[in-house]
């Protein structure tokens, strides 16, 4: 699967027991299939190497970019500002239920 932001091939990595797709050779964005993001709540969160790398990444989001397309089904994704900080934009696919987070937004 290619990254919806930089088109680099994403690789699957272990996020503390949850396998997610990471743009590790490009923009460092993260793709969560439907329900994977919920599995990383604070109670069950593991400390896989990919999770540690993501948490330590600098935020890399172009606030002026157009909507991105879902890497799974190619439909335009809907951006949502995370309510508590208003600095994090979660891109959600309404068709397949996936989420994309830019580097540093986890």
Protein backbone atom coordinates (compact mmCIF):
# COMPACT_ATOMS: atom_id res chain seq x y z
CA UNK A 1 0.00 0.00 0.00
CA UNK A 2 1.31 3.48 -0.84
CA UNK A 3 1.23 6.43 1.53
CA UNK A 4 -1.64 8.85 0.76
CA UNK A 5 0.64 11.86 1.38
CA UNK A 6 4.00 11.09 -0.25
CA UNK A 7 3.20 7.91 -2.30
CA UNK A 8 6.05 5.95 -0.66
CA UNK A 9 5.44 2.23 -0.09
CA UNK A 10 4.20 1.74 3.48
CA UNK A 11 5.47 -1.15 5.59
CA UNK A 12 3.61 -3.11 8.25
CA UNK A 13 5.08 -2.80 11.75
CA UNK A 14 4.18 -3.95 15.24
CA UNK A 15 2.73 -1.20 17.42
CA UNK A 16 2.81 -3.12 20.67
CA UNK A 17 0.70 -6.03 19.45
CA UNK A 18 -1.23 -4.13 16.77
CA UNK A 19 0.09 -4.36 13.20
CA UNK A 20 -0.22 -1.00 11.39
CA UNK A 21 1.13 0.46 8.15
CA UNK A 22 3.93 3.03 8.50
CA UNK A 23 5.51 5.32 5.90
CA UNK A 24 8.90 4.60 7.42
CA UNK A 25 10.88 5.51 4.27
CA UNK A 26 8.94 8.68 3.55
CA UNK A 27 6.85 11.14 5.57
CA UNK A 28 6.52 8.85 8.64
CA UNK A 29 2.70 8.89 8.49
CA UNK A 30 0.69 6.03 10.00
CA UNK A 31 -2.32 4.16 8.60
CA UNK A 32 -4.72 2.41 10.93
CA UNK A 33 -7.29 0.02 9.52
CA UNK A 34 -10.73 0.15 11.09
CA UNK A 35 -10.57 -0.64 14.85
CA UNK A 36 -6.74 -0.73 15.07
CA UNK A 37 -6.52 2.78 16.53
CA UNK A 38 -8.92 1.83 19.34
CA UNK A 39 -6.65 -1.08 20.27
CA UNK A 40 -3.91 1.40 21.19
CA UNK A 41 -5.72 2.98 24.12
CA UNK A 42 -3.62 3.78 27.17
CA UNK A 43 -4.69 0.62 29.01
CA UNK A 44 -3.53 -1.80 26.33
CA UNK A 45 -0.80 0.23 24.63
CA UNK A 46 2.43 -1.66 24.07
CA UNK A 47 5.90 -0.26 23.54
CA UNK A 48 6.82 -1.73 20.18
CA UNK A 49 9.76 -0.06 18.41
CA UNK A 50 7.49 1.42 15.73
CA UNK A 51 5.28 3.03 18.37
CA UNK A 52 8.29 4.53 20.14
CA UNK A 53 9.61 5.92 16.83
CA UNK A 54 6.25 7.45 16.00
CA UNK A 55 5.86 9.09 19.40
CA UNK A 56 9.32 10.65 19.06
CA UNK A 57 8.75 11.96 15.49
CA UNK A 58 8.40 15.69 14.95
CA UNK A 59 4.99 16.80 13.77
CA UNK A 60 4.98 16.99 9.98
CA UNK A 61 1.67 18.24 8.63
CA UNK A 62 1.04 20.70 5.83
CA UNK A 63 -2.06 22.53 7.06
CA UNK A 64 -2.66 23.87 3.53
CA UNK A 65 -2.74 20.55 1.70
CA UNK A 66 -5.84 19.31 -0.05
CA UNK A 67 -7.81 16.33 1.21
CA UNK A 68 -5.94 13.07 0.79
CA UNK A 69 -7.29 9.87 -0.72
CA UNK A 70 -7.63 6.66 1.24
CA UNK A 71 -4.73 4.28 0.51
CA UNK A 72 -7.13 1.30 0.76
CA UNK A 73 -10.15 2.36 -1.32
CA UNK A 74 -8.94 5.61 -3.01
CA UNK A 75 -11.92 7.68 -1.78
CA UNK A 76 -11.30 11.20 -0.41
CA UNK A 77 -10.76 11.17 3.34
CA UNK A 78 -12.36 13.62 5.76
CA UNK A 79 -10.01 15.63 8.01
CA UNK A 80 -11.06 16.10 11.65
CA UNK A 81 -9.37 18.32 14.22
CA UNK A 82 -8.78 16.36 17.40
CA UNK A 83 -10.97 18.14 19.93
CA UNK A 84 -8.62 18.45 22.89
CA UNK A 85 -5.66 20.05 21.12
CA UNK A 86 -7.03 21.41 17.82
CA UNK A 87 -3.49 20.87 16.47
CA UNK A 88 -3.89 17.25 15.42
CA UNK A 89 -5.77 16.44 12.24
CA UNK A 90 -7.01 12.89 11.88
CA UNK A 91 -7.88 11.92 8.30
CA UNK A 92 -10.75 9.42 8.27
CA UNK A 93 -12.12 7.29 5.44
CA UNK A 94 -15.90 7.06 5.74
CA UNK A 95 -16.00 4.11 3.33
CA UNK A 96 -13.57 1.61 4.90
CA UNK A 97 -13.22 3.18 8.38
CA UNK A 98 -9.44 3.69 8.24
CA UNK A 99 -7.47 6.56 9.79
CA UNK A 100 -4.28 8.32 8.69
CA UNK A 101 -2.12 10.29 11.10
CA UNK A 102 0.76 12.46 9.98
CA UNK A 103 4.14 12.12 11.70
CA UNK A 104 4.05 13.36 15.29
CA UNK A 105 0.25 13.31 15.57
CA UNK A 106 -0.11 10.07 17.56
